[in-house]
């Protein structure tokens, strides 16, 4: 028989939880510029640089930017958009600039801009391609892991 002087325990109060704060990084924290002089070995049957060669450089630069933001490994999940704007030739210096556009809980969208100029001349660079890729940060087991938030980037005052 239950002791009438002891009150049964009521519903327990939920344990106090401390909010987890996400680290915040800016787009400049992870920006990458990859430069490569294109050679005859990179050309296709039309004498221009093979699109697949440029795609690899784009993925390399974007992966480096995603990895910098995530603070560790990140894998390509999708190429959301890739646009080839102008041909690239052997002897062109290709500059591939990649930076974070968006950071979700475990995924990141990286924007890439590719320019070309002759390796031995100074002058204006021509935009030759743009791309957007999605990456997911992974842990040592290959499972998705959280990434830092992305701070809004404001244009510099004029």
N, C-alpha and C. Protein backbone atom coordinates (compact mmCIF):
# COMPACT_ATOMS: atom_id res chain seq x y z
N UNK A 1 0.83 -1.15 0.00
CA UNK A 1 0.00 0.00 0.00
C UNK A 1 0.89 1.23 0.00
N UNK A 2 0.45 2.25 -0.73
CA UNK A 2 1.24 3.47 -0.86
C UNK A 2 1.12 4.32 0.38
N UNK A 3 2.18 4.95 0.78
CA UNK A 3 2.19 5.84 1.94
C UNK A 3 1.47 7.13 1.58
N UNK A 4 0.35 7.47 2.25
CA UNK A 4 -0.42 8.65 1.90
C UNK A 4 0.30 9.96 2.19
N UNK A 5 1.36 9.93 2.97
CA UNK A 5 2.07 11.17 3.29
C UNK A 5 3.10 11.54 2.23
N UNK A 6 3.37 10.62 1.34
CA UNK A 6 4.35 10.90 0.29
C UNK A 6 3.60 11.22 -0.99
N UNK A 7 3.89 12.36 -1.55
CA UNK A 7 3.22 12.71 -2.81
C UNK A 7 3.97 12.08 -3.96
N UNK A 8 3.23 11.48 -4.85
CA UNK A 8 3.90 10.85 -5.98
C UNK A 8 4.57 11.92 -6.83
N UNK A 9 5.65 11.53 -7.46
CA UNK A 9 6.35 12.51 -8.30
C UNK A 9 5.45 12.93 -9.45
N UNK A 10 5.46 14.22 -9.74
CA UNK A 10 4.69 14.75 -10.86
C UNK A 10 5.51 14.66 -12.14
N UNK A 11 4.97 15.20 -13.17
CA UNK A 11 5.71 15.17 -14.42
C UNK A 11 7.02 15.95 -14.24
N UNK A 12 8.06 15.40 -14.78
CA UNK A 12 9.36 16.04 -14.61
C UNK A 12 9.49 17.20 -15.58
N UNK A 13 10.15 18.21 -15.13
CA UNK A 13 10.39 19.38 -15.98
C UNK A 13 11.42 19.01 -17.04
N UNK A 14 11.25 19.53 -18.22
CA UNK A 14 12.23 19.21 -19.26
C UNK A 14 13.60 19.74 -18.87
N UNK A 15 14.60 18.99 -19.23
CA UNK A 15 15.98 19.40 -18.93
C UNK A 15 16.28 20.69 -19.69
N UNK A 16 17.02 21.54 -19.04
CA UNK A 16 17.39 22.80 -19.69
C UNK A 16 18.38 22.50 -20.80
N UNK A 17 18.12 23.04 -21.95
CA UNK A 17 19.03 22.82 -23.07
C UNK A 17 19.73 24.11 -23.40
N UNK A 18 20.98 23.98 -23.69
CA UNK A 18 21.75 25.15 -24.09
C UNK A 18 21.74 25.20 -25.61
N UNK A 19 21.37 26.33 -26.17
CA UNK A 19 21.36 26.39 -27.63
C UNK A 19 22.77 26.23 -28.18
N UNK A 20 22.85 25.48 -29.24
CA UNK A 20 24.14 25.28 -29.90
C UNK A 20 24.34 26.45 -30.86
N UNK A 21 25.44 27.14 -30.70
CA UNK A 21 25.71 28.27 -31.59
C UNK A 21 26.61 27.80 -32.71
N UNK A 22 26.24 28.16 -33.91
CA UNK A 22 27.03 27.81 -35.09
C UNK A 22 28.09 28.87 -35.30
N UNK A 23 29.26 28.42 -35.67
CA UNK A 23 30.30 29.35 -36.07
C UNK A 23 29.82 30.06 -37.33
N UNK A 24 30.21 31.30 -37.51
CA UNK A 24 29.83 32.06 -38.69
C UNK A 24 31.08 32.47 -39.44
N UNK A 25 31.10 32.25 -40.76
CA UNK A 25 32.22 32.66 -41.60
C UNK A 25 31.69 33.57 -42.71
N UNK A 26 32.57 34.38 -43.24
CA UNK A 26 32.21 35.24 -44.37
C UNK A 26 32.60 34.56 -45.67
N UNK A 27 32.07 35.00 -46.80
CA UNK A 27 32.48 34.43 -48.09
C UNK A 27 33.99 34.57 -48.34
N UNK A 28 34.59 35.67 -47.86
CA UNK A 28 36.03 35.86 -48.07
C UNK A 28 36.88 34.84 -47.30
N UNK A 29 36.34 34.27 -46.23
CA UNK A 29 37.09 33.29 -45.45
C UNK A 29 37.42 32.04 -46.26
N UNK A 30 36.65 31.76 -47.28
CA UNK A 30 36.85 30.52 -48.03
C UNK A 30 37.13 30.73 -49.52
N UNK A 31 37.24 31.97 -49.94
CA UNK A 31 37.45 32.25 -51.37
C UNK A 31 38.75 31.61 -51.86
N UNK A 32 38.70 31.03 -53.06
CA UNK A 32 39.86 30.36 -53.66
C UNK A 32 40.04 30.86 -55.09
N UNK A 33 41.28 31.10 -55.49
CA UNK A 33 41.59 31.39 -56.89
C UNK A 33 42.63 30.38 -57.33
N UNK A 34 42.27 29.62 -58.35
CA UNK A 34 43.15 28.61 -58.92
C UNK A 34 43.56 29.09 -60.31
N UNK A 35 44.86 29.15 -60.59
CA UNK A 35 45.33 29.59 -61.91
C UNK A 35 46.05 28.44 -62.60
N UNK A 36 45.82 28.32 -63.90
CA UNK A 36 46.41 27.21 -64.66
C UNK A 36 46.67 27.66 -66.10
N UNK A 37 47.88 27.42 -66.61
CA UNK A 37 48.17 27.71 -68.02
C UNK A 37 47.75 26.50 -68.83
N UNK A 38 46.85 26.72 -69.78
CA UNK A 38 46.33 25.63 -70.59
C UNK A 38 47.35 25.25 -71.66
N UNK A 39 47.44 23.97 -71.97
CA UNK A 39 48.43 23.50 -72.95
C UNK A 39 47.76 22.70 -74.07
N UNK A 40 48.57 22.30 -75.03
CA UNK A 40 48.07 21.49 -76.15
C UNK A 40 47.42 20.20 -75.67
N UNK A 41 47.89 19.68 -74.55
CA UNK A 41 47.33 18.42 -74.01
C UNK A 41 45.89 18.59 -73.54
N UNK A 42 45.45 19.84 -73.35
CA UNK A 42 44.11 20.12 -72.85
C UNK A 42 43.09 20.35 -73.96
N UNK A 43 43.54 20.31 -75.23
CA UNK A 43 42.65 20.68 -76.34
C UNK A 43 41.81 19.51 -76.84
N UNK A 44 40.70 19.88 -77.47
CA UNK A 44 39.82 18.90 -78.10
C UNK A 44 40.09 18.88 -79.61
N UNK A 45 39.25 18.21 -80.36
CA UNK A 45 39.44 18.11 -81.81
C UNK A 45 39.26 19.44 -82.54
N UNK A 46 38.67 20.43 -81.87
CA UNK A 46 38.43 21.73 -82.49
C UNK A 46 39.54 22.73 -82.18
N UNK A 47 40.57 22.30 -81.42
CA UNK A 47 41.68 23.18 -81.10
C UNK A 47 41.42 24.08 -79.90
N UNK A 48 40.29 23.90 -79.25
CA UNK A 48 40.01 24.68 -78.03
C UNK A 48 40.12 23.74 -76.82
N UNK A 49 40.13 24.33 -75.65
CA UNK A 49 40.26 23.53 -74.44
C UNK A 49 39.01 22.68 -74.24
N UNK A 50 39.22 21.42 -73.96
CA UNK A 50 38.14 20.47 -73.73
C UNK A 50 37.32 20.91 -72.52
N UNK A 51 36.00 20.91 -72.66
CA UNK A 51 35.13 21.33 -71.57
C UNK A 51 35.34 20.52 -70.30
N UNK A 52 35.65 19.25 -70.43
CA UNK A 52 35.88 18.40 -69.26
C UNK A 52 37.09 18.83 -68.46
N UNK A 53 38.11 19.35 -69.15
CA UNK A 53 39.30 19.86 -68.44
C UNK A 53 38.91 21.06 -67.60
N UNK A 54 38.11 21.96 -68.19
CA UNK A 54 37.67 23.14 -67.44
C UNK A 54 36.74 22.72 -66.29
N UNK A 55 35.90 21.72 -66.52
CA UNK A 55 34.99 21.25 -65.46
C UNK A 55 35.78 20.72 -64.27
N UNK A 56 36.88 20.01 -64.53
CA UNK A 56 37.71 19.50 -63.43
C UNK A 56 38.31 20.64 -62.62
N UNK A 57 38.82 21.67 -63.30
CA UNK A 57 39.39 22.82 -62.59
C UNK A 57 38.32 23.54 -61.77
N UNK A 58 37.12 23.64 -62.33
CA UNK A 58 36.00 24.27 -61.61
C UNK A 58 35.67 23.46 -60.36
N UNK A 59 35.59 22.14 -60.49
CA UNK A 59 35.28 21.30 -59.34
C UNK A 59 36.39 21.36 -58.30
N UNK A 60 37.65 21.39 -58.74
CA UNK A 60 38.78 21.49 -57.81
C UNK A 60 38.71 22.77 -56.99
N UNK A 61 38.49 23.90 -57.65
CA UNK A 61 38.44 25.19 -56.95
C UNK A 61 37.22 25.24 -56.02
N UNK A 62 36.08 24.78 -56.50
CA UNK A 62 34.86 24.80 -55.69
C UNK A 62 35.01 23.89 -54.47
N UNK A 63 35.64 22.73 -54.64
CA UNK A 63 35.84 21.81 -53.52
C UNK A 63 36.77 22.42 -52.48
N UNK A 64 37.79 23.14 -52.93
CA UNK A 64 38.69 23.81 -51.98
C UNK A 64 37.95 24.87 -51.18
N UNK A 65 37.09 25.66 -51.86
CA UNK A 65 36.31 26.68 -51.15
C UNK A 65 35.35 26.04 -50.15
N UNK A 66 34.66 24.97 -50.57
CA UNK A 66 33.73 24.28 -49.67
C UNK A 66 34.47 23.67 -48.48
N UNK A 67 35.62 23.06 -48.74
CA UNK A 67 36.42 22.47 -47.66
C UNK A 67 36.93 23.51 -46.69
N UNK A 68 37.33 24.68 -47.20
CA UNK A 68 37.77 25.76 -46.31
C UNK A 68 36.62 26.23 -45.42
N UNK A 69 35.45 26.37 -46.02
CA UNK A 69 34.30 26.82 -45.23
C UNK A 69 33.92 25.78 -44.18
N UNK A 70 33.91 24.53 -44.59
CA UNK A 70 33.49 23.44 -43.70
C UNK A 70 34.55 23.11 -42.66
N UNK A 71 35.79 23.49 -42.93
CA UNK A 71 36.87 23.13 -42.01
C UNK A 71 37.23 21.66 -42.10
N UNK A 72 37.03 21.07 -43.26
CA UNK A 72 37.32 19.65 -43.46
C UNK A 72 36.75 19.18 -44.78
N UNK A 73 36.72 17.88 -45.00
CA UNK A 73 36.29 17.34 -46.28
C UNK A 73 34.85 17.70 -46.65
N UNK A 74 34.66 17.96 -47.93
CA UNK A 74 33.33 18.20 -48.49
C UNK A 74 33.32 17.56 -49.87
N UNK A 75 32.22 16.91 -50.20
CA UNK A 75 32.13 16.20 -51.47
C UNK A 75 31.09 16.86 -52.38
N UNK A 76 31.34 16.75 -53.69
CA UNK A 76 30.42 17.30 -54.68
C UNK A 76 29.15 16.47 -54.70
N UNK A 77 28.02 17.15 -54.55
CA UNK A 77 26.72 16.48 -54.62
C UNK A 77 26.10 16.71 -55.98
N UNK A 78 26.22 17.95 -56.49
CA UNK A 78 25.65 18.23 -57.81
C UNK A 78 26.33 19.43 -58.44
N UNK A 79 26.28 19.43 -59.75
CA UNK A 79 26.64 20.61 -60.53
C UNK A 79 25.30 21.20 -60.91
N UNK A 80 24.95 22.29 -60.25
CA UNK A 80 23.62 22.88 -60.44
C UNK A 80 23.50 23.63 -61.76
N UNK A 81 24.59 24.27 -62.16
CA UNK A 81 24.60 24.97 -63.43
C UNK A 81 26.04 25.18 -63.86
N UNK A 82 26.29 25.00 -65.15
CA UNK A 82 27.61 25.29 -65.71
C UNK A 82 27.38 25.87 -67.09
N UNK A 83 27.95 27.04 -67.32
CA UNK A 83 27.77 27.72 -68.60
C UNK A 83 29.13 28.07 -69.18
N UNK A 84 29.37 27.61 -70.42
CA UNK A 84 30.59 27.97 -71.13
C UNK A 84 30.27 29.18 -71.99
N UNK A 85 30.98 30.27 -71.77
CA UNK A 85 30.65 31.54 -72.42
C UNK A 85 31.53 31.87 -73.61
N UNK A 86 32.78 31.40 -73.62
CA UNK A 86 33.72 31.72 -74.70
C UNK A 86 34.76 30.61 -74.77
N UNK A 87 35.34 30.38 -75.96
CA UNK A 87 36.36 29.33 -76.07
C UNK A 87 37.66 29.72 -75.36
N UNK A 88 38.38 28.70 -74.91
CA UNK A 88 39.69 28.88 -74.29
C UNK A 88 40.68 28.12 -75.16
N UNK A 89 41.87 28.68 -75.33
CA UNK A 89 42.88 28.08 -76.23
C UNK A 89 44.15 27.73 -75.46
N UNK A 90 44.94 26.85 -76.02
CA UNK A 90 46.25 26.53 -75.45
C UNK A 90 47.04 27.83 -75.34
N UNK A 91 47.72 28.01 -74.23
CA UNK A 91 48.46 29.24 -73.98
C UNK A 91 47.68 30.26 -73.18
N UNK A 92 46.41 30.01 -72.94
CA UNK A 92 45.62 30.92 -72.10
C UNK A 92 45.88 30.62 -70.63
N UNK A 93 45.95 31.67 -69.83
CA UNK A 93 46.03 31.54 -68.38
C UNK A 93 44.60 31.59 -67.85
N UNK A 94 44.17 30.47 -67.31
CA UNK A 94 42.81 30.36 -66.79
C UNK A 94 42.84 30.68 -65.30
N UNK A 95 41.96 31.56 -64.83
CA UNK A 95 41.81 31.85 -63.41
C UNK A 95 40.41 31.41 -63.01
N UNK A 96 40.36 30.51 -62.03
CA UNK A 96 39.10 29.94 -61.56
C UNK A 96 38.88 30.44 -60.14
N UNK A 97 37.88 31.31 -59.95
CA UNK A 97 37.61 31.89 -58.64
C UNK A 97 36.33 31.27 -58.09
N UNK A 98 36.44 30.71 -56.88
CA UNK A 98 35.30 30.04 -56.25
C UNK A 98 35.04 30.64 -54.89
N UNK A 99 33.75 30.78 -54.56
CA UNK A 99 33.38 31.32 -53.25
C UNK A 99 32.01 30.84 -52.83
N UNK A 100 31.78 30.80 -51.52
CA UNK A 100 30.51 30.35 -50.97
C UNK A 100 29.39 31.32 -51.29
N UNK A 101 28.28 30.79 -51.75
CA UNK A 101 27.07 31.58 -52.02
C UNK A 101 26.02 31.34 -50.94
N UNK A 102 26.00 30.10 -50.39
CA UNK A 102 24.99 29.72 -49.41
C UNK A 102 25.53 28.59 -48.56
N UNK A 103 25.15 28.59 -47.28
CA UNK A 103 25.51 27.49 -46.39
C UNK A 103 24.24 27.04 -45.67
N UNK A 104 23.90 25.78 -45.83
CA UNK A 104 22.78 25.19 -45.11
C UNK A 104 23.29 24.53 -43.84
N UNK A 105 22.60 23.51 -43.38
CA UNK A 105 23.03 22.81 -42.17
C UNK A 105 24.27 21.96 -42.45
N UNK A 106 24.25 21.19 -43.54
CA UNK A 106 25.41 20.36 -43.90
C UNK A 106 25.87 20.62 -45.33
N UNK A 107 25.09 21.36 -46.10
CA UNK A 107 25.42 21.58 -47.51
C UNK A 107 25.83 23.02 -47.77
N UNK A 108 26.53 23.20 -48.89
CA UNK A 108 27.02 24.51 -49.29
C UNK A 108 26.87 24.66 -50.80
N UNK A 109 26.49 25.85 -51.25
CA UNK A 109 26.48 26.16 -52.67
C UNK A 109 27.67 27.06 -52.95
N UNK A 110 28.45 26.68 -53.96
CA UNK A 110 29.65 27.42 -54.32
C UNK A 110 29.47 27.99 -55.71
N UNK A 111 29.71 29.29 -55.86
CA UNK A 111 29.68 29.94 -57.16
C UNK A 111 31.10 30.02 -57.70
N UNK A 112 31.24 29.82 -59.02
CA UNK A 112 32.55 29.83 -59.66
C UNK A 112 32.52 30.73 -60.88
N UNK A 113 33.56 31.53 -61.03
CA UNK A 113 33.72 32.40 -62.20
C UNK A 113 35.09 32.09 -62.80
N UNK A 114 35.11 31.84 -64.12
CA UNK A 114 36.35 31.49 -64.80
C UNK A 114 36.68 32.56 -65.83
N UNK A 115 37.92 33.07 -65.79
CA UNK A 115 38.38 34.05 -66.78
C UNK A 115 39.62 33.51 -67.47
N UNK A 116 39.88 34.03 -68.67
CA UNK A 116 41.07 33.63 -69.43
C UNK A 116 41.75 34.86 -70.00
N UNK A 117 43.06 34.77 -70.05
CA UNK A 117 43.87 35.81 -70.69
C UNK A 117 45.12 35.12 -71.24
N UNK A 118 45.76 35.73 -72.21
CA UNK A 118 46.98 35.14 -72.75
C UNK A 118 48.04 35.13 -71.66
N UNK A 119 48.78 34.04 -71.55
CA UNK A 119 49.74 33.88 -70.46
C UNK A 119 50.88 34.89 -70.54
N UNK A 120 51.21 35.37 -71.74
CA UNK A 120 52.38 36.22 -71.89
C UNK A 120 52.03 37.67 -72.24
N UNK A 121 50.81 38.07 -72.07
CA UNK A 121 50.38 39.44 -72.35
C UNK A 121 49.57 39.95 -71.17
N UNK A 122 49.73 41.22 -70.89
CA UNK A 122 48.82 41.80 -69.90
C UNK A 122 47.66 42.41 -70.67
N UNK A 123 46.56 42.40 -70.08
CA UNK A 123 45.38 42.93 -70.76
C UNK A 123 44.14 42.45 -70.07
N UNK A 124 43.01 42.83 -70.60
CA UNK A 124 41.77 42.43 -69.92
C UNK A 124 41.54 40.92 -70.03
N UNK A 125 41.02 40.38 -68.95
CA UNK A 125 40.65 38.96 -68.94
C UNK A 125 39.23 38.84 -69.46
N UNK A 126 38.95 37.72 -70.12
CA UNK A 126 37.63 37.45 -70.66
C UNK A 126 36.93 36.41 -69.79
N UNK A 127 35.68 36.67 -69.40
CA UNK A 127 34.93 35.67 -68.66
C UNK A 127 34.55 34.55 -69.62
N UNK A 128 34.96 33.32 -69.28
CA UNK A 128 34.75 32.20 -70.20
C UNK A 128 33.79 31.15 -69.68
N UNK A 129 33.51 31.15 -68.37
CA UNK A 129 32.57 30.17 -67.82
C UNK A 129 32.11 30.60 -66.44
N UNK A 130 30.92 30.12 -66.06
CA UNK A 130 30.41 30.29 -64.70
C UNK A 130 29.78 28.97 -64.28
N UNK A 131 29.72 28.75 -62.98
CA UNK A 131 29.13 27.50 -62.49
C UNK A 131 28.65 27.66 -61.05
N UNK A 132 27.70 26.82 -60.69
CA UNK A 132 27.23 26.70 -59.30
C UNK A 132 27.21 25.22 -58.97
N UNK A 133 27.86 24.85 -57.87
CA UNK A 133 27.94 23.47 -57.43
C UNK A 133 27.48 23.36 -55.99
N UNK A 134 26.95 22.20 -55.62
CA UNK A 134 26.53 21.95 -54.24
C UNK A 134 27.43 20.88 -53.64
N UNK A 135 27.89 21.14 -52.41
CA UNK A 135 28.76 20.23 -51.68
C UNK A 135 28.12 19.90 -50.34
N UNK A 136 28.50 18.74 -49.79
CA UNK A 136 28.10 18.35 -48.43
C UNK A 136 29.36 18.05 -47.65
N UNK A 137 29.46 18.62 -46.45
CA UNK A 137 30.58 18.33 -45.57
C UNK A 137 30.39 16.94 -44.99
N UNK A 138 31.48 16.19 -44.88
CA UNK A 138 31.39 14.83 -44.34
C UNK A 138 32.38 14.64 -43.20
N UNK A 139 32.03 13.71 -42.30
CA UNK A 139 32.93 13.37 -41.20
C UNK A 139 33.82 12.20 -41.63
N UNK A 140 34.59 11.64 -40.69
CA UNK A 140 35.53 10.57 -41.02
C UNK A 140 34.83 9.29 -41.46
N UNK A 141 33.55 9.16 -41.12
CA UNK A 141 32.78 7.97 -41.53
C UNK A 141 32.06 8.20 -42.86
N UNK A 142 32.16 9.41 -43.40
CA UNK A 142 31.47 9.72 -44.65
C UNK A 142 30.05 10.20 -44.46
N UNK A 143 29.65 10.45 -43.22
CA UNK A 143 28.29 10.94 -42.94
C UNK A 143 28.28 12.47 -42.99
N UNK A 144 27.17 13.06 -43.41
CA UNK A 144 27.08 14.53 -43.42
C UNK A 144 27.30 15.10 -42.03
N UNK A 145 27.96 16.26 -41.98
CA UNK A 145 28.20 16.93 -40.70
C UNK A 145 27.89 18.41 -40.84
N UNK A 146 27.58 19.08 -39.74
CA UNK A 146 27.22 20.51 -39.81
C UNK A 146 28.37 21.39 -40.29
N UNK A 147 28.00 22.49 -40.94
CA UNK A 147 28.97 23.47 -41.42
C UNK A 147 28.67 24.82 -40.77
N UNK A 148 29.66 25.71 -40.73
CA UNK A 148 29.40 27.06 -40.19
C UNK A 148 28.35 27.80 -41.02
N UNK A 149 27.68 28.74 -40.38
CA UNK A 149 26.74 29.60 -41.09
C UNK A 149 27.54 30.55 -41.98
N UNK A 150 26.87 31.13 -42.96
CA UNK A 150 27.52 32.08 -43.86
C UNK A 150 26.98 33.47 -43.57
N UNK A 151 27.89 34.37 -43.21
CA UNK A 151 27.49 35.76 -42.94
C UNK A 151 27.17 36.45 -44.25
N UNK A 152 26.19 37.32 -44.21
CA UNK A 152 25.84 38.09 -45.41
C UNK A 152 27.00 38.99 -45.75
N UNK A 153 27.29 39.07 -47.03
CA UNK A 153 28.37 39.93 -47.49
C UNK A 153 27.76 41.21 -48.04
N UNK A 154 28.15 42.33 -47.48
CA UNK A 154 27.62 43.62 -47.91
C UNK A 154 28.62 44.30 -48.83
N UNK A 155 28.14 44.96 -49.88
CA UNK A 155 29.08 45.67 -50.75
C UNK A 155 29.76 46.80 -49.99
N UNK A 156 30.98 47.08 -50.39
CA UNK A 156 31.73 48.16 -49.76
C UNK A 156 31.06 49.50 -50.06
N UNK A 157 31.07 50.42 -49.10
CA UNK A 157 30.45 51.73 -49.36
C UNK A 157 31.19 52.47 -50.47
N UNK A 158 30.42 53.22 -51.24
CA UNK A 158 31.01 53.94 -52.37
C UNK A 158 31.44 55.31 -51.94
